[in-house]
All heavy atoms as atom14 arrays in JSON, in Angstrom:
{
  "sequence": "CRVLRFGFGGLLVFASFEKILHPYEFAIIIENYRVLGSGLSRWIAVWI",
  "atom14_mask": [
    [1, 1, 1, 1, 1, 1, 0, 0, 0, 0, 0, 0, 0, 0],
    [1, 1, 1, 1, 1, 1, 1, 1, 1, 1, 1, 0, 0, 0],
    [1, 1, 1, 1, 1, 1, 1, 0, 0, 0, 0, 0, 0, 0],
    [1, 1, 1, 1, 1, 1, 1, 1, 0, 0, 0, 0, 0, 0],
    [1, 1, 1, 1, 1, 1, 1, 1, 1, 1, 1, 0, 0, 0],
    [1, 1, 1, 1, 1, 1, 1, 1, 1, 1, 1, 0, 0, 0],
    [1, 1, 1, 1, 0, 0, 0, 0, 0, 0, 0, 0, 0, 0],
    [1, 1, 1, 1, 1, 1, 1, 1, 1, 1, 1, 0, 0, 0],
    [1, 1, 1, 1, 0, 0, 0, 0, 0, 0, 0, 0, 0, 0],
    [1, 1, 1, 1, 0, 0, 0, 0, 0, 0, 0, 0, 0, 0],
    [1, 1, 1, 1, 1, 1, 1, 1, 0, 0, 0, 0, 0, 0],
    [1, 1, 1, 1, 1, 1, 1, 1, 0, 0, 0, 0, 0, 0],
    [1, 1, 1, 1, 1, 1, 1, 0, 0, 0, 0, 0, 0, 0],
    [1, 1, 1, 1, 1, 1, 1, 1, 1, 1, 1, 0, 0, 0],
    [1, 1, 1, 1, 1, 0, 0, 0, 0, 0, 0, 0, 0, 0],
    [1, 1, 1, 1, 1, 1, 0, 0, 0, 0, 0, 0, 0, 0],
    [1, 1, 1, 1, 1, 1, 1, 1, 1, 1, 1, 0, 0, 0],
    [1, 1, 1, 1, 1, 1, 1, 1, 1, 0, 0, 0, 0, 0],
    [1, 1, 1, 1, 1, 1, 1, 1, 1, 0, 0, 0, 0, 0],
    [1, 1, 1, 1, 1, 1, 1, 1, 0, 0, 0, 0, 0, 0],
    [1, 1, 1, 1, 1, 1, 1, 1, 0, 0, 0, 0, 0, 0],
    [1, 1, 1, 1, 1, 1, 1, 1, 1, 1, 0, 0, 0, 0],
    [1, 1, 1, 1, 1, 1, 1, 0, 0, 0, 0, 0, 0, 0],
    [1, 1, 1, 1, 1, 1, 1, 1, 1, 1, 1, 1, 0, 0],
    [1, 1, 1, 1, 1, 1, 1, 1, 1, 0, 0, 0, 0, 0],
    [1, 1, 1, 1, 1, 1, 1, 1, 1, 1, 1, 0, 0, 0],
    [1, 1, 1, 1, 1, 0, 0, 0, 0, 0, 0, 0, 0, 0],
    [1, 1, 1, 1, 1, 1, 1, 1, 0, 0, 0, 0, 0, 0],
    [1, 1, 1, 1, 1, 1, 1, 1, 0, 0, 0, 0, 0, 0],
    [1, 1, 1, 1, 1, 1, 1, 1, 0, 0, 0, 0, 0, 0],
    [1, 1, 1, 1, 1, 1, 1, 1, 1, 0, 0, 0, 0, 0],
    [1, 1, 1, 1, 1, 1, 1, 1, 0, 0, 0, 0, 0, 0],
    [1, 1, 1, 1, 1, 1, 1, 1, 1, 1, 1, 1, 0, 0],
    [1, 1, 1, 1, 1, 1, 1, 1, 1, 1, 1, 0, 0, 0],
    [1, 1, 1, 1, 1, 1, 1, 0, 0, 0, 0, 0, 0, 0],
    [1, 1, 1, 1, 1, 1, 1, 1, 0, 0, 0, 0, 0, 0],
    [1, 1, 1, 1, 0, 0, 0, 0, 0, 0, 0, 0, 0, 0],
    [1, 1, 1, 1, 1, 1, 0, 0, 0, 0, 0, 0, 0, 0],
    [1, 1, 1, 1, 0, 0, 0, 0, 0, 0, 0, 0, 0, 0],
    [1, 1, 1, 1, 1, 1, 1, 1, 0, 0, 0, 0, 0, 0],
    [1, 1, 1, 1, 1, 1, 0, 0, 0, 0, 0, 0, 0, 0],
    [1, 1, 1, 1, 1, 1, 1, 1, 1, 1, 1, 0, 0, 0],
    [1, 1, 1, 1, 1, 1, 1, 1, 1, 1, 1, 1, 1, 1],
    [1, 1, 1, 1, 1, 1, 1, 1, 0, 0, 0, 0, 0, 0],
    [1, 1, 1, 1, 1, 0, 0, 0, 0, 0, 0, 0, 0, 0],
    [1, 1, 1, 1, 1, 1, 1, 0, 0, 0, 0, 0, 0, 0],
    [1, 1, 1, 1, 1, 1, 1, 1, 1, 1, 1, 1, 1, 1],
    [1, 1, 1, 1, 1, 1, 1, 1, 0, 0, 0, 0, 0, 0]
  ],
  "atom14_positions": [
    [[24.23, 5.38, -12.74], [23.61, 4.99, -11.48], [23.76, 6.06, -10.43], [22.8, 6.39, -9.71], [24.18, 3.67, -10.96], [23.6, 2.2, -11.79], [0.0, 0.0, 0.0], [0.0, 0.0, 0.0], [0.0, 0.0, 0.0], [0.0, 0.0, 0.0], [0.0, 0.0, 0.0], [0.0, 0.0, 0.0], [0.0, 0.0, 0.0], [0.0, 0.0, 0.0]],
    [[24.95, 6.61, -10.32], [25.16, 7.66, -9.32], [24.34, 8.88, -9.6], [23.74, 9.46, -8.67], [26.65, 8.04, -9.28], [27.47, 7.05, -8.53], [28.91, 7.53, -8.36], [29.67, 6.48, -7.73], [30.88, 6.1, -8.08], [31.48, 6.71, -9.09], [31.5, 5.12, -7.48], [0.0, 0.0, 0.0], [0.0, 0.0, 0.0], [0.0, 0.0, 0.0]],
    [[24.3, 9.31, -10.85], [23.51, 10.49, -11.2], [22.02, 10.25, -10.93], [21.34, 11.11, -10.32], [23.72, 10.85, -12.71], [22.68, 11.86, -13.17], [25.15, 11.38, -12.91], [0.0, 0.0, 0.0], [0.0, 0.0, 0.0], [0.0, 0.0, 0.0], [0.0, 0.0, 0.0], [0.0, 0.0, 0.0], [0.0, 0.0, 0.0], [0.0, 0.0, 0.0]],
    [[21.53, 9.09, -11.3], [20.11, 8.77, -11.01], [19.85, 8.65, -9.51], [18.83, 9.13, -9.01], [19.68, 7.49, -11.74], [19.54, 7.58, -13.25], [19.34, 6.2, -13.84], [18.4, 8.5, -13.6], [0.0, 0.0, 0.0], [0.0, 0.0, 0.0], [0.0, 0.0, 0.0], [0.0, 0.0, 0.0], [0.0, 0.0, 0.0], [0.0, 0.0, 0.0]],
    [[20.76, 8.01, -8.78], [20.62, 7.88, -7.33], [20.54, 9.23, -6.65], [19.63, 9.51, -5.87], [21.78, 7.08, -6.75], [21.62, 5.61, -6.72], [22.79, 4.92, -6.03], [23.29, 5.62, -4.86], [24.57, 5.82, -4.57], [25.51, 5.37, -5.37], [24.94, 6.46, -3.49], [0.0, 0.0, 0.0], [0.0, 0.0, 0.0], [0.0, 0.0, 0.0]],
    [[21.55, 10.06, -6.94], [21.57, 11.39, -6.3], [20.44, 12.28, -6.8], [19.91, 13.06, -6.03], [22.93, 12.07, -6.52], [24.03, 11.45, -5.68], [25.06, 10.76, -6.31], [24.02, 11.56, -4.31], [26.06, 10.21, -5.54], [25.03, 10.98, -3.56], [26.05, 10.32, -4.18], [0.0, 0.0, 0.0], [0.0, 0.0, 0.0], [0.0, 0.0, 0.0]],
    [[20.07, 12.14, -8.07], [18.98, 12.94, -8.6], [17.66, 12.58, -7.96], [16.94, 13.47, -7.44], [0.0, 0.0, 0.0], [0.0, 0.0, 0.0], [0.0, 0.0, 0.0], [0.0, 0.0, 0.0], [0.0, 0.0, 0.0], [0.0, 0.0, 0.0], [0.0, 0.0, 0.0], [0.0, 0.0, 0.0], [0.0, 0.0, 0.0], [0.0, 0.0, 0.0]],
    [[17.32, 11.29, -7.91], [16.08, 10.87, -7.28], [16.13, 11.09, -5.77], [15.15, 11.46, -5.17], [15.79, 9.41, -7.59], [15.08, 9.23, -8.88], [15.69, 8.5, -9.93], [13.81, 9.72, -9.12], [15.07, 8.3, -11.14], [13.18, 9.54, -10.33], [13.79, 8.83, -11.35], [0.0, 0.0, 0.0], [0.0, 0.0, 0.0], [0.0, 0.0, 0.0]],
    [[17.3, 10.84, -5.17], [17.44, 11.06, -3.72], [17.16, 12.5, -3.35], [16.39, 12.8, -2.46], [0.0, 0.0, 0.0], [0.0, 0.0, 0.0], [0.0, 0.0, 0.0], [0.0, 0.0, 0.0], [0.0, 0.0, 0.0], [0.0, 0.0, 0.0], [0.0, 0.0, 0.0], [0.0, 0.0, 0.0], [0.0, 0.0, 0.0], [0.0, 0.0, 0.0]],
    [[17.8, 13.4, -4.06], [17.59, 14.83, -3.79], [16.18, 15.25, -4.07], [15.59, 16.04, -3.31], [0.0, 0.0, 0.0], [0.0, 0.0, 0.0], [0.0, 0.0, 0.0], [0.0, 0.0, 0.0], [0.0, 0.0, 0.0], [0.0, 0.0, 0.0], [0.0, 0.0, 0.0], [0.0, 0.0, 0.0], [0.0, 0.0, 0.0], [0.0, 0.0, 0.0]],
    [[15.61, 14.73, -5.15], [14.2, 15.07, -5.5], [13.25, 14.62, -4.39], [12.38, 15.4, -3.98], [13.86, 14.37, -6.83], [12.48, 14.63, -7.38], [12.44, 15.97, -8.07], [12.09, 13.52, -8.33], [0.0, 0.0, 0.0], [0.0, 0.0, 0.0], [0.0, 0.0, 0.0], [0.0, 0.0, 0.0], [0.0, 0.0, 0.0], [0.0, 0.0, 0.0]],
    [[13.4, 13.42, -3.94], [12.52, 12.91, -2.9], [12.7, 13.63, -1.55], [11.72, 13.94, -0.86], [12.72, 11.39, -2.72], [12.21, 10.51, -3.86], [12.64, 9.08, -3.67], [10.71, 10.6, -3.99], [0.0, 0.0, 0.0], [0.0, 0.0, 0.0], [0.0, 0.0, 0.0], [0.0, 0.0, 0.0], [0.0, 0.0, 0.0], [0.0, 0.0, 0.0]],
    [[13.93, 13.9, -1.18], [14.18, 14.61, 0.07], [13.59, 16.0, -0.01], [12.88, 16.44, 0.91], [15.69, 14.65, 0.42], [15.98, 15.63, 1.54], [16.2, 13.25, 0.74], [0.0, 0.0, 0.0], [0.0, 0.0, 0.0], [0.0, 0.0, 0.0], [0.0, 0.0, 0.0], [0.0, 0.0, 0.0], [0.0, 0.0, 0.0], [0.0, 0.0, 0.0]],
    [[13.84, 16.72, -1.12], [13.28, 18.03, -1.31], [11.77, 18.03, -1.28], [11.15, 18.88, -0.66], [13.77, 18.64, -2.64], [13.16, 19.96, -2.99], [13.56, 21.11, -2.33], [12.18, 20.03, -3.97], [12.97, 22.32, -2.65], [11.59, 21.24, -4.29], [12.0, 22.39, -3.62], [0.0, 0.0, 0.0], [0.0, 0.0, 0.0], [0.0, 0.0, 0.0]],
    [[11.15, 17.05, -1.97], [9.7, 16.96, -2.04], [9.07, 16.63, -0.7], [7.92, 17.01, -0.46], [9.29, 15.9, -3.07], [0.0, 0.0, 0.0], [0.0, 0.0, 0.0], [0.0, 0.0, 0.0], [0.0, 0.0, 0.0], [0.0, 0.0, 0.0], [0.0, 0.0, 0.0], [0.0, 0.0, 0.0], [0.0, 0.0, 0.0], [0.0, 0.0, 0.0]],
    [[9.77, 16.01, 0.18], [9.19, 15.56, 1.43], [9.1, 16.67, 2.51], [8.2, 16.64, 3.3], [9.99, 14.4, 2.02], [11.29, 14.84, 2.45], [0.0, 0.0, 0.0], [0.0, 0.0, 0.0], [0.0, 0.0, 0.0], [0.0, 0.0, 0.0], [0.0, 0.0, 0.0], [0.0, 0.0, 0.0], [0.0, 0.0, 0.0], [0.0, 0.0, 0.0]],
    [[10.0, 17.63, 2.48], [10.09, 18.58, 3.58], [8.82, 19.35, 3.86], [8.3, 19.34, 4.98], [11.25, 19.57, 3.37], [12.6, 19.0, 3.67], [13.68, 19.29, 2.87], [12.81, 18.22, 4.78], [14.92, 18.78, 3.12], [14.04, 17.66, 5.07], [15.1, 17.96, 4.22], [0.0, 0.0, 0.0], [0.0, 0.0, 0.0], [0.0, 0.0, 0.0]],
    [[8.27, 20.05, 2.9], [7.09, 20.86, 3.13], [5.87, 20.01, 3.45], [5.02, 20.4, 4.24], [6.82, 21.75, 1.94], [5.82, 22.83, 2.28], [5.72, 23.93, 1.26], [6.69, 24.14, 0.5], [4.66, 24.56, 1.21], [0.0, 0.0, 0.0], [0.0, 0.0, 0.0], [0.0, 0.0, 0.0], [0.0, 0.0, 0.0], [0.0, 0.0, 0.0]],
    [[5.81, 18.82, 2.87], [4.68, 17.93, 3.15], [4.73, 17.38, 4.56], [3.72, 17.18, 5.2], [4.64, 16.81, 2.1], [4.3, 17.32, 0.71], [4.17, 16.19, -0.29], [5.5, 15.89, -0.92], [5.4, 14.96, -2.03], [0.0, 0.0, 0.0], [0.0, 0.0, 0.0], [0.0, 0.0, 0.0], [0.0, 0.0, 0.0], [0.0, 0.0, 0.0]],
    [[5.96, 17.17, 5.06], [6.12, 16.71, 6.45], [5.73, 17.85, 7.41], [5.09, 17.59, 8.42], [7.57, 16.26, 6.72], [7.82, 14.92, 6.0], [7.85, 16.12, 8.23], [9.26, 14.45, 6.07], [0.0, 0.0, 0.0], [0.0, 0.0, 0.0], [0.0, 0.0, 0.0], [0.0, 0.0, 0.0], [0.0, 0.0, 0.0], [0.0, 0.0, 0.0]],
    [[6.08, 19.07, 7.08], [5.76, 20.18, 7.92], [4.3, 20.59, 7.92], [3.79, 21.18, 8.88], [6.62, 21.42, 7.53], [8.1, 21.25, 7.72], [8.85, 22.48, 7.17], [8.43, 21.07, 9.21], [0.0, 0.0, 0.0], [0.0, 0.0, 0.0], [0.0, 0.0, 0.0], [0.0, 0.0, 0.0], [0.0, 0.0, 0.0], [0.0, 0.0, 0.0]],
    [[3.57, 20.27, 6.81], [2.16, 20.65, 6.69], [1.32, 19.45, 6.24], [0.77, 19.42, 5.14], [2.05, 21.76, 5.63], [2.91, 22.95, 5.92], [2.6, 23.85, 6.87], [4.07, 23.34, 5.35], [3.54, 24.79, 6.91], [4.44, 24.51, 6.01], [0.0, 0.0, 0.0], [0.0, 0.0, 0.0], [0.0, 0.0, 0.0], [0.0, 0.0, 0.0]],
    [[1.16, 18.46, 7.14], [0.4, 17.27, 6.73], [-1.07, 17.51, 6.47], [-1.64, 16.84, 5.59], [0.62, 16.31, 7.9], [0.92, 17.21, 9.06], [1.65, 18.39, 8.49], [0.0, 0.0, 0.0], [0.0, 0.0, 0.0], [0.0, 0.0, 0.0], [0.0, 0.0, 0.0], [0.0, 0.0, 0.0], [0.0, 0.0, 0.0], [0.0, 0.0, 0.0]],
    [[-1.69, 18.45, 7.16], [-3.12, 18.71, 6.95], [-3.36, 19.25, 5.55], [-4.25, 18.78, 4.84], [-3.66, 19.7, 7.99], [-5.12, 19.97, 7.78], [-6.1, 19.03, 8.13], [-5.53, 21.19, 7.25], [-7.44, 19.29, 7.9], [-6.86, 21.47, 7.02], [-7.81, 20.51, 7.34], [-9.14, 20.74, 7.12], [0.0, 0.0, 0.0], [0.0, 0.0, 0.0]],
    [[-2.57, 20.21, 5.12], [-2.68, 20.78, 3.78], [-2.41, 19.74, 2.71], [-3.07, 19.66, 1.68], [-1.73, 21.97, 3.59], [-2.13, 23.2, 4.4], [-1.65, 23.17, 5.85], [-1.0, 22.18, 6.25], [-1.87, 24.17, 6.56], [0.0, 0.0, 0.0], [0.0, 0.0, 0.0], [0.0, 0.0, 0.0], [0.0, 0.0, 0.0], [0.0, 0.0, 0.0]],
    [[-1.43, 18.86, 2.98], [-1.12, 17.79, 2.03], [-2.27, 16.78, 1.98], [-2.59, 16.27, 0.88], [0.21, 17.12, 2.41], [0.65, 16.1, 1.41], [0.73, 16.4, 0.06], [0.98, 14.81, 1.79], [1.15, 15.47, -0.88], [1.41, 13.89, 0.89], [1.46, 14.2, -0.45], [0.0, 0.0, 0.0], [0.0, 0.0, 0.0], [0.0, 0.0, 0.0]],
    [[-2.94, 16.51, 3.09], [-4.08, 15.62, 3.09], [-5.23, 16.17, 2.22], [-5.88, 15.41, 1.52], [-4.6, 15.4, 4.52], [0.0, 0.0, 0.0], [0.0, 0.0, 0.0], [0.0, 0.0, 0.0], [0.0, 0.0, 0.0], [0.0, 0.0, 0.0], [0.0, 0.0, 0.0], [0.0, 0.0, 0.0], [0.0, 0.0, 0.0], [0.0, 0.0, 0.0]],
    [[-5.41, 17.47, 2.27], [-6.43, 18.1, 1.4], [-6.07, 17.9, -0.08], [-6.93, 17.6, -0.89], [-6.59, 19.58, 1.75], [-7.21, 19.72, 3.15], [-7.44, 20.3, 0.71], [-7.2, 21.12, 3.7], [0.0, 0.0, 0.0], [0.0, 0.0, 0.0], [0.0, 0.0, 0.0], [0.0, 0.0, 0.0], [0.0, 0.0, 0.0], [0.0, 0.0, 0.0]],
    [[-4.79, 18.09, -0.4], [-4.34, 17.89, -1.79], [-4.61, 16.44, -2.22], [-5.08, 16.18, -3.32], [-2.87, 18.23, -1.91], [-2.66, 19.74, -1.79], [-2.3, 17.74, -3.27], [-1.23, 20.2, -1.67], [0.0, 0.0, 0.0], [0.0, 0.0, 0.0], [0.0, 0.0, 0.0], [0.0, 0.0, 0.0], [0.0, 0.0, 0.0], [0.0, 0.0, 0.0]],
    [[-4.31, 15.47, -1.33], [-4.54, 14.07, -1.65], [-6.04, 13.81, -1.84], [-6.43, 13.07, -2.78], [-3.98, 13.14, -0.53], [-2.45, 13.27, -0.5], [-4.42, 11.72, -0.74], [-1.79, 12.57, 0.66], [0.0, 0.0, 0.0], [0.0, 0.0, 0.0], [0.0, 0.0, 0.0], [0.0, 0.0, 0.0], [0.0, 0.0, 0.0], [0.0, 0.0, 0.0]],
    [[-6.88, 14.4, -1.01], [-8.33, 14.22, -1.17], [-8.82, 14.76, -2.49], [-9.77, 14.22, -3.04], [-9.04, 14.91, -0.02], [-8.98, 14.16, 1.3], [-9.73, 14.89, 2.4], [-10.87, 15.36, 2.15], [-9.21, 14.96, 3.51], [0.0, 0.0, 0.0], [0.0, 0.0, 0.0], [0.0, 0.0, 0.0], [0.0, 0.0, 0.0], [0.0, 0.0, 0.0]],
    [[-8.2, 15.82, -2.98], [-8.63, 16.42, -4.24], [-8.47, 15.49, -5.43], [-9.11, 15.67, -6.45], [-7.87, 17.73, -4.48], [-8.29, 18.83, -3.54], [-9.39, 18.8, -2.97], [-7.45, 19.81, -3.35], [0.0, 0.0, 0.0], [0.0, 0.0, 0.0], [0.0, 0.0, 0.0], [0.0, 0.0, 0.0], [0.0, 0.0, 0.0], [0.0, 0.0, 0.0]],
    [[-7.6, 14.49, -5.3], [-7.44, 13.53, -6.39], [-8.63, 12.57, -6.49], [-8.77, 11.86, -7.47], [-6.15, 12.71, -6.19], [-4.91, 13.43, -6.64], [-4.19, 14.24, -5.77], [-4.43, 13.31, -7.91], [-3.04, 14.88, -6.16], [-3.28, 13.95, -8.34], [-2.58, 14.76, -7.47], [-1.46, 15.41, -7.86], [0.0, 0.0, 0.0], [0.0, 0.0, 0.0]],
    [[-9.47, 12.56, -5.47], [-10.7, 11.75, -5.42], [-10.45, 10.27, -5.66], [-11.17, 9.6, -6.41], [-11.72, 12.28, -6.43], [-12.15, 13.69, -6.15], [-13.17, 14.15, -7.1], [-13.36, 15.59, -6.95], [-13.94, 16.34, -7.86], [-14.38, 15.78, -8.96], [-14.07, 17.6, -7.64], [0.0, 0.0, 0.0], [0.0, 0.0, 0.0], [0.0, 0.0, 0.0]],
    [[-9.39, 9.76, -5.0], [-9.09, 8.34, -5.1], [-9.29, 7.69, -3.72], [-9.77, 6.56, -3.64], [-7.62, 8.11, -5.57], [-7.26, 6.66, -5.54], [-7.45, 8.71, -6.96], [0.0, 0.0, 0.0], [0.0, 0.0, 0.0], [0.0, 0.0, 0.0], [0.0, 0.0, 0.0], [0.0, 0.0, 0.0], [0.0, 0.0, 0.0], [0.0, 0.0, 0.0]],
    [[-8.97, 8.43, -2.67], [-9.08, 7.9, -1.29], [-10.06, 8.77, -0.51], [-10.26, 9.94, -0.84], [-7.7, 7.97, -0.61], [-6.56, 7.26, -1.33], [-5.24, 7.62, -0.66], [-6.76, 5.76, -1.31], [0.0, 0.0, 0.0], [0.0, 0.0, 0.0], [0.0, 0.0, 0.0], [0.0, 0.0, 0.0], [0.0, 0.0, 0.0], [0.0, 0.0, 0.0]],
    [[-10.62, 8.21, 0.54], [-11.46, 9.0, 1.41], [-10.66, 9.89, 2.35], [-9.43, 9.83, 2.37], [0.0, 0.0, 0.0], [0.0, 0.0, 0.0], [0.0, 0.0, 0.0], [0.0, 0.0, 0.0], [0.0, 0.0, 0.0], [0.0, 0.0, 0.0], [0.0, 0.0, 0.0], [0.0, 0.0, 0.0], [0.0, 0.0, 0.0], [0.0, 0.0, 0.0]],
    [[-11.33, 10.69, 3.12], [-10.64, 11.67, 3.97], [-9.82, 11.0, 5.06], [-8.71, 11.43, 5.38], [-11.63, 12.65, 4.57], [-12.55, 12.0, 5.43], [0.0, 0.0, 0.0], [0.0, 0.0, 0.0], [0.0, 0.0, 0.0], [0.0, 0.0, 0.0], [0.0, 0.0, 0.0], [0.0, 0.0, 0.0], [0.0, 0.0, 0.0], [0.0, 0.0, 0.0]],
    [[-10.31, 9.92, 5.66], [-9.59, 9.22, 6.71], [-8.27, 8.64, 6.2], [-7.23, 8.79, 6.79], [0.0, 0.0, 0.0], [0.0, 0.0, 0.0], [0.0, 0.0, 0.0], [0.0, 0.0, 0.0], [0.0, 0.0, 0.0], [0.0, 0.0, 0.0], [0.0, 0.0, 0.0], [0.0, 0.0, 0.0], [0.0, 0.0, 0.0], [0.0, 0.0, 0.0]],
    [[-8.32, 7.94, 5.07], [-7.13, 7.34, 4.5], [-6.19, 8.41, 3.95], [-4.95, 8.27, 4.02], [-7.51, 6.37, 3.39], [-6.45, 5.4, 2.92], [-5.82, 4.66, 4.09], [-7.04, 4.41, 1.93], [0.0, 0.0, 0.0], [0.0, 0.0, 0.0], [0.0, 0.0, 0.0], [0.0, 0.0, 0.0], [0.0, 0.0, 0.0], [0.0, 0.0, 0.0]],
    [[-6.75, 9.5, 3.44], [-5.9, 10.59, 2.93], [-5.07, 11.19, 4.06], [-3.89, 11.55, 3.8], [-6.78, 11.71, 2.33], [-7.45, 11.28, 1.2], [0.0, 0.0, 0.0], [0.0, 0.0, 0.0], [0.0, 0.0, 0.0], [0.0, 0.0, 0.0], [0.0, 0.0, 0.0], [0.0, 0.0, 0.0], [0.0, 0.0, 0.0], [0.0, 0.0, 0.0]],
    [[-5.57, 11.25, 5.24], [-4.79, 11.79, 6.37], [-3.64, 10.87, 6.72], [-2.54, 11.34, 7.01], [-5.71, 12.0, 7.58], [-6.66, 13.15, 7.32], [-7.53, 13.44, 8.51], [-8.55, 14.42, 8.14], [-9.82, 14.34, 8.48], [-10.22, 13.35, 9.27], [-10.66, 15.27, 8.12], [0.0, 0.0, 0.0], [0.0, 0.0, 0.0], [0.0, 0.0, 0.0]],
    [[-3.87, 9.56, 6.72], [-2.79, 8.62, 6.96], [-1.73, 8.69, 5.89], [-0.51, 8.71, 6.18], [-3.35, 7.17, 7.07], [-3.94, 6.9, 8.38], [-5.28, 6.88, 8.7], [-3.26, 6.59, 9.59], [-5.46, 6.59, 10.0], [-4.21, 6.39, 10.6], [-1.92, 6.47, 9.93], [-3.9, 6.1, 11.89], [-1.59, 6.17, 11.25], [-2.57, 5.97, 12.2]],
    [[-2.16, 8.75, 4.64], [-1.24, 8.81, 3.51], [-0.42, 10.11, 3.6], [0.77, 10.12, 3.31], [-1.99, 8.73, 2.17], [-2.67, 7.38, 2.05], [-1.08, 8.98, 0.99], [-1.75, 6.2, 1.96], [0.0, 0.0, 0.0], [0.0, 0.0, 0.0], [0.0, 0.0, 0.0], [0.0, 0.0, 0.0], [0.0, 0.0, 0.0], [0.0, 0.0, 0.0]],
    [[-1.07, 11.18, 3.98], [-0.39, 12.5, 4.08], [0.72, 12.49, 5.13], [1.65, 13.27, 5.04], [-1.42, 13.6, 4.4], [0.0, 0.0, 0.0], [0.0, 0.0, 0.0], [0.0, 0.0, 0.0], [0.0, 0.0, 0.0], [0.0, 0.0, 0.0], [0.0, 0.0, 0.0], [0.0, 0.0, 0.0], [0.0, 0.0, 0.0], [0.0, 0.0, 0.0]],
    [[0.62, 11.62, 6.1], [1.67, 11.52, 7.11], [2.77, 10.55, 6.65], [3.93, 10.84, 6.8], [1.08, 11.06, 8.47], [2.17, 10.72, 9.45], [0.15, 12.12, 9.02], [0.0, 0.0, 0.0], [0.0, 0.0, 0.0], [0.0, 0.0, 0.0], [0.0, 0.0, 0.0], [0.0, 0.0, 0.0], [0.0, 0.0, 0.0], [0.0, 0.0, 0.0]],
    [[2.39, 9.41, 6.09], [3.34, 8.36, 5.78], [4.1, 8.53, 4.47], [5.29, 8.23, 4.4], [2.67, 7.0, 5.82], [2.34, 6.63, 7.23], [1.14, 6.65, 7.82], [3.28, 6.22, 8.23], [1.22, 6.28, 9.14], [2.54, 6.01, 9.43], [4.64, 6.01, 8.27], [3.14, 5.59, 10.6], [5.23, 5.59, 9.44], [4.46, 5.4, 10.6]],
    [[3.45, 9.01, 3.41], [4.15, 9.15, 2.12], [5.34, 10.1, 2.19], [6.42, 9.78, 1.71], [3.16, 9.53, 1.01], [2.27, 8.35, 0.64], [3.89, 10.05, -0.25], [3.04, 7.18, 0.02], [0.0, 0.0, 0.0], [0.0, 0.0, 0.0], [0.0, 0.0, 0.0], [0.0, 0.0, 0.0], [0.0, 0.0, 0.0], [0.0, 0.0, 0.0]]
  ]
}
């Protein structure tokens, strides 16, 4: 449990930093998946 907790915790924290600093670029990446529209992609790029 500890290994999984710290592993996933570190992974998520690491993964969040650059996306928090560059939400517009992350919104473009989300739009490229062609699942959400551009308006919703921008919200998701901020909140995820």
